[in-house]
N, C-alpha and C. Protein backbone atom coordinates (compact mmCIF):
# COMPACT_ATOMS: atom_id res chain seq x y z
N MET A 1 -33.58 71.23 -47.95
CA MET A 1 -35.00 71.35 -48.21
C MET A 1 -35.62 72.21 -47.13
N GLY A 2 -36.40 73.21 -47.57
CA GLY A 2 -37.10 74.06 -46.62
C GLY A 2 -38.58 73.71 -46.58
N VAL A 3 -39.26 74.25 -45.58
CA VAL A 3 -40.69 74.04 -45.44
C VAL A 3 -41.37 75.40 -45.38
N VAL A 4 -42.36 75.58 -46.25
CA VAL A 4 -43.16 76.80 -46.28
C VAL A 4 -44.56 76.41 -45.84
N THR A 5 -45.08 77.08 -44.81
CA THR A 5 -46.37 76.73 -44.25
C THR A 5 -47.39 77.83 -44.52
N TYR A 6 -48.57 77.43 -44.97
CA TYR A 6 -49.68 78.34 -45.18
C TYR A 6 -50.88 77.81 -44.43
N SER A 7 -51.62 78.72 -43.80
CA SER A 7 -52.83 78.33 -43.10
C SER A 7 -54.00 79.15 -43.63
N GLN A 8 -55.17 78.54 -43.61
CA GLN A 8 -56.38 79.26 -43.98
C GLN A 8 -57.54 78.71 -43.17
N GLU A 9 -58.58 79.52 -43.06
CA GLU A 9 -59.72 79.16 -42.25
C GLU A 9 -60.99 79.50 -43.02
N PHE A 10 -61.95 78.58 -42.99
CA PHE A 10 -63.24 78.78 -43.65
C PHE A 10 -64.33 78.57 -42.62
N THR A 11 -65.42 79.29 -42.75
CA THR A 11 -66.58 79.03 -41.91
C THR A 11 -67.74 78.62 -42.80
N CYS A 12 -68.66 77.84 -42.23
CA CYS A 12 -69.83 77.45 -43.00
C CYS A 12 -71.00 77.14 -42.08
N ALA A 13 -72.17 76.96 -42.66
CA ALA A 13 -73.41 76.76 -41.90
C ALA A 13 -73.75 75.28 -41.69
N VAL A 14 -72.80 74.39 -41.94
CA VAL A 14 -73.01 72.95 -41.80
C VAL A 14 -72.22 72.44 -40.58
N ALA A 15 -72.79 71.48 -39.87
CA ALA A 15 -72.13 70.91 -38.70
C ALA A 15 -70.78 70.31 -39.06
N PRO A 16 -69.81 70.37 -38.14
CA PRO A 16 -68.48 69.84 -38.43
C PRO A 16 -68.49 68.34 -38.76
N SER A 17 -69.36 67.58 -38.11
CA SER A 17 -69.42 66.14 -38.38
C SER A 17 -69.80 65.85 -39.83
N ARG A 18 -70.73 66.62 -40.38
CA ARG A 18 -71.16 66.42 -41.77
C ARG A 18 -70.09 66.87 -42.76
N MET A 19 -69.44 67.99 -42.51
CA MET A 19 -68.38 68.46 -43.41
C MET A 19 -67.21 67.48 -43.39
N PHE A 20 -66.85 66.99 -42.21
CA PHE A 20 -65.74 66.04 -42.08
C PHE A 20 -66.06 64.76 -42.84
N LYS A 21 -67.29 64.28 -42.68
CA LYS A 21 -67.67 63.05 -43.37
C LYS A 21 -67.65 63.25 -44.88
N ALA A 22 -68.19 64.36 -45.36
CA ALA A 22 -68.26 64.61 -46.80
C ALA A 22 -66.89 64.85 -47.43
N LEU A 23 -66.04 65.61 -46.75
CA LEU A 23 -64.75 65.98 -47.33
C LEU A 23 -63.62 65.00 -47.02
N ILE A 24 -63.77 64.21 -45.95
CA ILE A 24 -62.69 63.31 -45.55
C ILE A 24 -63.13 61.84 -45.61
N LEU A 25 -64.07 61.46 -44.76
CA LEU A 25 -64.42 60.04 -44.62
C LEU A 25 -65.13 59.46 -45.83
N ASP A 26 -66.05 60.21 -46.41
CA ASP A 26 -66.85 59.68 -47.53
C ASP A 26 -66.61 60.46 -48.82
N SER A 27 -65.46 61.13 -48.90
CA SER A 27 -65.17 61.96 -50.07
C SER A 27 -65.15 61.16 -51.37
N HIS A 28 -64.75 59.90 -51.29
CA HIS A 28 -64.68 59.07 -52.50
C HIS A 28 -66.07 58.81 -53.09
N ASN A 29 -67.11 58.94 -52.30
CA ASN A 29 -68.48 58.79 -52.81
C ASN A 29 -69.14 60.14 -53.09
N ILE A 30 -68.93 61.11 -52.23
CA ILE A 30 -69.62 62.39 -52.31
C ILE A 30 -69.06 63.31 -53.40
N ILE A 31 -67.77 63.54 -53.39
CA ILE A 31 -67.19 64.58 -54.25
C ILE A 31 -67.36 64.28 -55.75
N PRO A 32 -67.08 63.07 -56.25
CA PRO A 32 -67.30 62.85 -57.69
C PRO A 32 -68.78 63.04 -58.10
N LYS A 33 -69.67 62.82 -57.16
CA LYS A 33 -71.11 62.99 -57.44
C LYS A 33 -71.47 64.46 -57.62
N ILE A 34 -70.86 65.34 -56.83
CA ILE A 34 -71.27 66.75 -56.87
C ILE A 34 -70.38 67.62 -57.76
N VAL A 35 -69.21 67.14 -58.14
CA VAL A 35 -68.35 67.86 -59.10
C VAL A 35 -67.84 66.88 -60.17
N PRO A 36 -68.76 66.23 -60.91
CA PRO A 36 -68.33 65.20 -61.87
C PRO A 36 -67.44 65.71 -62.99
N GLY A 37 -67.58 66.97 -63.37
CA GLY A 37 -66.72 67.51 -64.42
C GLY A 37 -65.31 67.77 -63.95
N GLY A 38 -65.17 68.04 -62.65
CA GLY A 38 -63.85 68.34 -62.10
C GLY A 38 -63.13 67.11 -61.58
N ILE A 39 -63.90 66.21 -60.94
CA ILE A 39 -63.30 65.01 -60.36
C ILE A 39 -64.09 63.80 -60.84
N LYS A 40 -63.41 62.94 -61.62
CA LYS A 40 -64.06 61.73 -62.15
C LYS A 40 -64.29 60.70 -61.07
N SER A 41 -63.26 60.45 -60.27
CA SER A 41 -63.38 59.42 -59.24
C SER A 41 -62.32 59.62 -58.18
N ILE A 42 -62.62 59.05 -57.00
CA ILE A 42 -61.65 58.98 -55.91
C ILE A 42 -61.71 57.54 -55.42
N GLU A 43 -60.56 56.90 -55.38
CA GLU A 43 -60.54 55.48 -54.99
C GLU A 43 -59.36 55.18 -54.08
N PHE A 44 -59.57 54.21 -53.21
CA PHE A 44 -58.48 53.75 -52.36
C PHE A 44 -57.66 52.74 -53.15
N ILE A 45 -56.38 53.02 -53.32
CA ILE A 45 -55.53 52.06 -54.02
C ILE A 45 -54.74 51.22 -53.02
N GLU A 46 -54.81 51.64 -51.76
CA GLU A 46 -54.20 50.88 -50.68
C GLU A 46 -54.98 51.20 -49.41
N GLY A 47 -55.44 50.20 -48.70
CA GLY A 47 -56.18 50.41 -47.46
C GLY A 47 -57.65 50.71 -47.69
N ASP A 48 -58.31 51.11 -46.59
CA ASP A 48 -59.75 51.34 -46.63
C ASP A 48 -60.16 52.70 -46.08
N GLY A 49 -59.21 53.59 -45.93
CA GLY A 49 -59.50 54.91 -45.40
C GLY A 49 -58.87 55.17 -44.05
N ALA A 50 -58.33 54.13 -43.44
CA ALA A 50 -57.66 54.28 -42.14
C ALA A 50 -56.26 54.86 -42.36
N VAL A 51 -55.58 55.16 -41.26
CA VAL A 51 -54.20 55.66 -41.33
C VAL A 51 -53.35 54.69 -42.15
N GLY A 52 -52.56 55.24 -43.06
CA GLY A 52 -51.71 54.43 -43.93
C GLY A 52 -52.33 54.18 -45.30
N SER A 53 -53.63 54.42 -45.43
CA SER A 53 -54.30 54.23 -46.72
C SER A 53 -53.81 55.24 -47.74
N ILE A 54 -53.88 54.85 -49.00
CA ILE A 54 -53.53 55.75 -50.10
C ILE A 54 -54.75 55.91 -50.98
N LYS A 55 -55.11 57.18 -51.21
CA LYS A 55 -56.30 57.53 -51.97
C LYS A 55 -55.86 58.23 -53.26
N GLN A 56 -56.40 57.79 -54.39
CA GLN A 56 -56.09 58.43 -55.68
C GLN A 56 -57.30 59.21 -56.16
N THR A 57 -57.08 60.47 -56.51
CA THR A 57 -58.12 61.33 -57.08
C THR A 57 -57.85 61.44 -58.57
N ASN A 58 -58.84 61.09 -59.38
CA ASN A 58 -58.74 61.18 -60.84
C ASN A 58 -59.59 62.35 -61.30
N PHE A 59 -58.95 63.30 -61.98
CA PHE A 59 -59.60 64.54 -62.37
C PHE A 59 -60.26 64.42 -63.74
N GLY A 60 -61.18 65.34 -64.01
CA GLY A 60 -61.92 65.37 -65.27
C GLY A 60 -61.04 65.74 -66.45
N GLU A 61 -61.59 65.54 -67.64
CA GLU A 61 -60.84 65.77 -68.88
C GLU A 61 -60.33 67.19 -69.03
N SER A 62 -61.06 68.17 -68.53
CA SER A 62 -60.68 69.57 -68.71
C SER A 62 -59.62 70.05 -67.71
N ALA A 63 -59.32 69.23 -66.72
CA ALA A 63 -58.35 69.63 -65.70
C ALA A 63 -56.91 69.61 -66.24
N HIS A 64 -56.08 70.45 -65.68
CA HIS A 64 -54.66 70.50 -66.08
C HIS A 64 -53.87 69.36 -65.46
N ILE A 65 -54.50 68.62 -64.58
CA ILE A 65 -53.85 67.53 -63.86
C ILE A 65 -54.72 66.28 -64.04
N LYS A 66 -54.09 65.11 -64.17
CA LYS A 66 -54.85 63.88 -64.37
C LYS A 66 -55.17 63.18 -63.05
N TYR A 67 -54.19 63.12 -62.14
CA TYR A 67 -54.43 62.43 -60.87
C TYR A 67 -53.49 62.94 -59.77
N THR A 68 -53.89 62.68 -58.53
CA THR A 68 -53.03 62.87 -57.38
C THR A 68 -53.20 61.66 -56.46
N LYS A 69 -52.18 61.38 -55.67
CA LYS A 69 -52.26 60.33 -54.66
C LYS A 69 -51.91 60.94 -53.31
N HIS A 70 -52.74 60.65 -52.32
CA HIS A 70 -52.53 61.13 -50.96
C HIS A 70 -52.45 59.95 -50.00
N LYS A 71 -51.56 60.05 -49.04
CA LYS A 71 -51.45 59.04 -47.99
C LYS A 71 -52.01 59.64 -46.70
N ILE A 72 -52.89 58.89 -46.04
CA ILE A 72 -53.47 59.34 -44.79
C ILE A 72 -52.47 59.08 -43.67
N ASP A 73 -52.01 60.16 -43.03
CA ASP A 73 -51.00 60.08 -41.99
C ASP A 73 -51.60 60.00 -40.59
N ALA A 74 -52.71 60.69 -40.37
CA ALA A 74 -53.38 60.70 -39.07
C ALA A 74 -54.86 60.94 -39.30
N LEU A 75 -55.69 60.30 -38.47
CA LEU A 75 -57.14 60.44 -38.61
C LEU A 75 -57.76 60.32 -37.22
N ASP A 76 -58.46 61.37 -36.80
CA ASP A 76 -59.15 61.39 -35.51
C ASP A 76 -60.61 61.73 -35.78
N VAL A 77 -61.43 60.70 -35.94
CA VAL A 77 -62.82 60.87 -36.33
C VAL A 77 -63.60 61.62 -35.26
N GLU A 78 -63.34 61.35 -34.00
CA GLU A 78 -64.08 62.00 -32.91
C GLU A 78 -63.82 63.51 -32.84
N ASN A 79 -62.62 63.93 -33.23
CA ASN A 79 -62.26 65.35 -33.19
C ASN A 79 -62.21 65.99 -34.57
N PHE A 80 -62.71 65.28 -35.59
CA PHE A 80 -62.82 65.81 -36.96
C PHE A 80 -61.48 66.35 -37.47
N TYR A 81 -60.45 65.52 -37.36
CA TYR A 81 -59.09 65.91 -37.75
C TYR A 81 -58.50 64.88 -38.71
N CYS A 82 -57.80 65.38 -39.73
CA CYS A 82 -57.10 64.50 -40.66
C CYS A 82 -55.80 65.17 -41.10
N LYS A 83 -54.78 64.35 -41.21
CA LYS A 83 -53.49 64.81 -41.74
C LYS A 83 -53.13 63.85 -42.87
N TYR A 84 -52.79 64.40 -44.04
CA TYR A 84 -52.45 63.56 -45.17
C TYR A 84 -51.38 64.23 -46.02
N THR A 85 -50.69 63.40 -46.82
CA THR A 85 -49.56 63.89 -47.62
C THR A 85 -49.79 63.60 -49.10
N LEU A 86 -49.59 64.63 -49.91
CA LEU A 86 -49.59 64.45 -51.37
C LEU A 86 -48.29 63.75 -51.71
N ILE A 87 -48.39 62.49 -52.18
CA ILE A 87 -47.18 61.70 -52.42
C ILE A 87 -46.87 61.50 -53.89
N GLU A 88 -47.87 61.75 -54.75
CA GLU A 88 -47.63 61.53 -56.18
C GLU A 88 -48.66 62.29 -57.00
N SER A 89 -48.25 62.68 -58.21
CA SER A 89 -49.12 63.36 -59.16
C SER A 89 -48.54 63.15 -60.56
N ASP A 90 -49.38 63.33 -61.57
CA ASP A 90 -48.85 63.22 -62.92
C ASP A 90 -48.11 64.50 -63.33
N ILE A 91 -48.25 65.54 -62.55
CA ILE A 91 -47.52 66.78 -62.81
C ILE A 91 -46.26 66.79 -61.95
N LYS A 92 -45.14 67.07 -62.56
CA LYS A 92 -43.88 67.17 -61.83
C LYS A 92 -43.74 68.60 -61.31
N PHE A 93 -43.66 68.72 -60.01
CA PHE A 93 -43.46 70.04 -59.41
C PHE A 93 -41.97 70.35 -59.42
N ASP A 94 -41.60 71.51 -59.94
CA ASP A 94 -40.18 71.85 -60.01
C ASP A 94 -39.64 72.43 -58.71
N LYS A 95 -40.52 72.90 -57.82
CA LYS A 95 -40.07 73.51 -56.58
C LYS A 95 -40.45 72.69 -55.34
N ILE A 96 -41.42 71.80 -55.47
CA ILE A 96 -41.98 71.12 -54.31
C ILE A 96 -41.68 69.63 -54.32
N LYS A 97 -41.18 69.11 -53.20
CA LYS A 97 -40.96 67.66 -53.07
C LYS A 97 -42.26 66.96 -52.71
N PHE A 98 -42.95 67.47 -51.69
CA PHE A 98 -44.25 66.93 -51.29
C PHE A 98 -44.97 67.96 -50.45
N ILE A 99 -46.28 67.74 -50.22
CA ILE A 99 -47.10 68.66 -49.44
C ILE A 99 -47.82 67.87 -48.35
N VAL A 100 -47.78 68.38 -47.13
CA VAL A 100 -48.50 67.78 -46.01
C VAL A 100 -49.66 68.72 -45.65
N TYR A 101 -50.86 68.14 -45.57
CA TYR A 101 -52.05 68.90 -45.24
C TYR A 101 -52.60 68.47 -43.89
N GLU A 102 -53.07 69.43 -43.10
CA GLU A 102 -53.79 69.14 -41.86
C GLU A 102 -55.12 69.87 -41.94
N VAL A 103 -56.20 69.13 -41.64
CA VAL A 103 -57.55 69.69 -41.70
C VAL A 103 -58.25 69.39 -40.39
N LYS A 104 -58.86 70.42 -39.81
CA LYS A 104 -59.58 70.27 -38.54
C LYS A 104 -60.88 71.05 -38.63
N PHE A 105 -61.99 70.37 -38.30
CA PHE A 105 -63.30 70.99 -38.28
C PHE A 105 -63.73 71.15 -36.82
N ALA A 106 -64.30 72.31 -36.49
CA ALA A 106 -64.76 72.57 -35.12
C ALA A 106 -66.10 73.30 -35.17
N SER A 107 -66.88 73.12 -34.14
CA SER A 107 -68.19 73.79 -34.05
C SER A 107 -68.01 75.29 -33.93
N ALA A 108 -68.94 76.03 -34.58
CA ALA A 108 -68.91 77.50 -34.49
C ALA A 108 -70.23 78.05 -35.01
N ASN A 109 -70.95 78.77 -34.17
CA ASN A 109 -72.16 79.51 -34.59
C ASN A 109 -73.11 78.71 -35.47
N ASP A 110 -73.66 77.64 -34.97
CA ASP A 110 -74.62 76.80 -35.72
C ASP A 110 -74.03 76.24 -37.01
N GLY A 111 -72.75 76.09 -37.07
CA GLY A 111 -72.07 75.53 -38.23
C GLY A 111 -70.70 75.06 -37.82
N CYS A 112 -69.72 75.37 -38.65
CA CYS A 112 -68.37 74.98 -38.28
C CYS A 112 -67.33 75.90 -38.88
N VAL A 113 -66.15 75.76 -38.37
CA VAL A 113 -64.97 76.41 -38.93
C VAL A 113 -64.01 75.30 -39.33
N CYS A 114 -63.43 75.44 -40.48
CA CYS A 114 -62.44 74.49 -40.97
C CYS A 114 -61.09 75.19 -40.99
N LYS A 115 -60.15 74.61 -40.27
CA LYS A 115 -58.79 75.15 -40.26
C LYS A 115 -57.91 74.21 -41.07
N MET A 116 -57.27 74.76 -42.07
CA MET A 116 -56.40 73.97 -42.94
C MET A 116 -54.99 74.55 -42.91
N THR A 117 -54.03 73.64 -42.78
CA THR A 117 -52.62 74.03 -42.84
C THR A 117 -51.95 73.19 -43.91
N SER A 118 -51.19 73.84 -44.75
CA SER A 118 -50.46 73.16 -45.82
C SER A 118 -48.97 73.42 -45.62
N GLU A 119 -48.20 72.35 -45.55
CA GLU A 119 -46.73 72.45 -45.44
C GLU A 119 -46.13 72.04 -46.77
N TYR A 120 -45.54 72.99 -47.44
CA TYR A 120 -44.89 72.74 -48.73
C TYR A 120 -43.42 72.46 -48.46
N HIS A 121 -43.01 71.23 -48.70
CA HIS A 121 -41.61 70.84 -48.53
C HIS A 121 -40.92 71.13 -49.86
N VAL A 122 -40.13 72.19 -49.83
CA VAL A 122 -39.57 72.79 -51.04
C VAL A 122 -38.18 72.23 -51.33
N GLU A 123 -37.90 72.05 -52.62
CA GLU A 123 -36.57 71.61 -53.07
C GLU A 123 -35.51 72.58 -52.58
N GLU A 124 -34.33 72.07 -52.30
CA GLU A 124 -33.21 72.88 -51.85
C GLU A 124 -32.95 74.02 -52.82
N GLY A 125 -32.87 75.24 -52.29
CA GLY A 125 -32.57 76.41 -53.11
C GLY A 125 -33.78 77.01 -53.82
N ALA A 126 -34.92 76.35 -53.78
CA ALA A 126 -36.12 76.88 -54.44
C ALA A 126 -36.85 77.82 -53.50
N GLU A 127 -37.48 78.81 -54.10
CA GLU A 127 -38.27 79.76 -53.33
C GLU A 127 -39.73 79.66 -53.76
N LEU A 128 -40.60 79.51 -52.80
CA LEU A 128 -42.02 79.37 -53.08
C LEU A 128 -42.72 80.66 -52.71
N LYS A 129 -43.46 81.22 -53.67
CA LYS A 129 -44.16 82.48 -53.44
C LYS A 129 -45.66 82.21 -53.30
N GLU A 130 -46.35 83.15 -52.71
CA GLU A 130 -47.81 83.06 -52.52
C GLU A 130 -48.52 82.76 -53.84
N ASP A 131 -48.10 83.40 -54.91
CA ASP A 131 -48.73 83.18 -56.22
C ASP A 131 -48.56 81.75 -56.71
N ASP A 132 -47.47 81.09 -56.28
CA ASP A 132 -47.22 79.71 -56.70
C ASP A 132 -48.28 78.74 -56.18
N ILE A 133 -48.90 79.08 -55.06
CA ILE A 133 -49.90 78.17 -54.48
C ILE A 133 -51.31 78.74 -54.48
N LYS A 134 -51.49 79.94 -55.00
CA LYS A 134 -52.81 80.58 -54.99
C LYS A 134 -53.87 79.74 -55.70
N GLN A 135 -53.54 79.16 -56.82
CA GLN A 135 -54.50 78.36 -57.57
C GLN A 135 -55.00 77.17 -56.75
N GLY A 136 -54.11 76.49 -56.06
CA GLY A 136 -54.51 75.37 -55.22
C GLY A 136 -55.39 75.81 -54.07
N LYS A 137 -55.06 76.94 -53.44
CA LYS A 137 -55.87 77.46 -52.34
C LYS A 137 -57.26 77.84 -52.84
N ASP A 138 -57.33 78.46 -54.01
CA ASP A 138 -58.63 78.85 -54.58
C ASP A 138 -59.48 77.63 -54.90
N ARG A 139 -58.85 76.58 -55.42
CA ARG A 139 -59.60 75.34 -55.71
C ARG A 139 -60.12 74.69 -54.44
N ALA A 140 -59.30 74.69 -53.39
CA ALA A 140 -59.73 74.11 -52.11
C ALA A 140 -60.93 74.88 -51.58
N MET A 141 -60.90 76.20 -51.65
CA MET A 141 -62.01 77.02 -51.18
C MET A 141 -63.26 76.75 -52.02
N GLY A 142 -63.09 76.62 -53.33
CA GLY A 142 -64.23 76.34 -54.22
C GLY A 142 -64.87 75.00 -53.90
N LEU A 143 -64.05 73.98 -53.66
CA LEU A 143 -64.57 72.66 -53.32
C LEU A 143 -65.29 72.69 -51.98
N PHE A 144 -64.71 73.37 -51.00
CA PHE A 144 -65.31 73.50 -49.68
C PHE A 144 -66.70 74.13 -49.80
N LYS A 145 -66.83 75.21 -50.55
CA LYS A 145 -68.11 75.90 -50.71
C LYS A 145 -69.11 75.04 -51.48
N THR A 146 -68.65 74.30 -52.48
CA THR A 146 -69.54 73.42 -53.24
C THR A 146 -70.10 72.32 -52.35
N VAL A 147 -69.26 71.73 -51.51
CA VAL A 147 -69.71 70.69 -50.58
C VAL A 147 -70.69 71.29 -49.57
N GLU A 148 -70.38 72.47 -49.07
CA GLU A 148 -71.29 73.14 -48.12
C GLU A 148 -72.67 73.34 -48.75
N GLU A 149 -72.72 73.86 -49.96
CA GLU A 149 -73.99 74.10 -50.65
C GLU A 149 -74.74 72.79 -50.87
N TYR A 150 -74.05 71.74 -51.25
CA TYR A 150 -74.67 70.43 -51.46
C TYR A 150 -75.27 69.90 -50.17
N LEU A 151 -74.53 69.99 -49.08
CA LEU A 151 -75.03 69.49 -47.80
C LEU A 151 -76.20 70.31 -47.27
N LEU A 152 -76.18 71.61 -47.50
CA LEU A 152 -77.31 72.46 -47.09
C LEU A 152 -78.57 72.10 -47.89
N ALA A 153 -78.40 71.80 -49.17
CA ALA A 153 -79.53 71.44 -50.03
C ALA A 153 -80.01 70.00 -49.79
N ASN A 154 -79.16 69.18 -49.19
CA ASN A 154 -79.47 67.76 -48.96
C ASN A 154 -79.19 67.43 -47.48
N PRO A 155 -80.09 67.83 -46.58
CA PRO A 155 -79.83 67.72 -45.14
C PRO A 155 -79.67 66.29 -44.60
N VAL A 156 -80.06 65.27 -45.35
CA VAL A 156 -79.88 63.90 -44.86
C VAL A 156 -78.54 63.30 -45.26
N VAL A 157 -77.85 63.92 -46.22
CA VAL A 157 -76.55 63.40 -46.69
C VAL A 157 -75.51 63.64 -45.60
N CYS A 158 -74.78 62.60 -45.25
CA CYS A 158 -73.72 62.66 -44.24
C CYS A 158 -74.25 63.03 -42.85
N ALA A 159 -75.53 62.82 -42.62
CA ALA A 159 -76.13 63.17 -41.31
C ALA A 159 -75.86 62.06 -40.30
C-alpha cells in the first residue's frame, strides 16, 4: 500500500477561531443549515466530538454518495487543528483504502489561512492521479467558501 499526499491552502476574511468552530467543532449544526440540499445531517455515532469520536455525514438526495464516516484522530482547539480519517462510505473506492485529513487554521491579514493535507492510502499496485481526487478537492473548496460567506453575513455565528 502506498500513500499519496496532496496539500492545499485557502485564505479567507474570517477569523481562524470562527472557521474552525464552523467547519470542525460545530459542523454538525452549521453545515446542514447552510447547505441543506448537499448535506442532510451530520451526527456523532460514537463519542461527542473529542478524539476517538466517529461522525457520520448524510448527503442530500441529489448527491452521488449517501454517507461518509470520519474518525477524529487528533484535535487541538487552542491551535485550530484537527486530524481525522475517512473510515467508511457507501461508495466502494477501487483504488483507496482510506484517507487521512489534517486541517489547520492560522491568522493571516484580518482573516485566516486554512492548510489542508490529504493522505490517500492507496491499494497495492493502484495508481492515483490528480484527476481522481479533483472532484473532492473542488467540493472541499466550495464548502469552505460557502461557510466563509455565511459567517461574513452572520457575524455573531461561531463568535
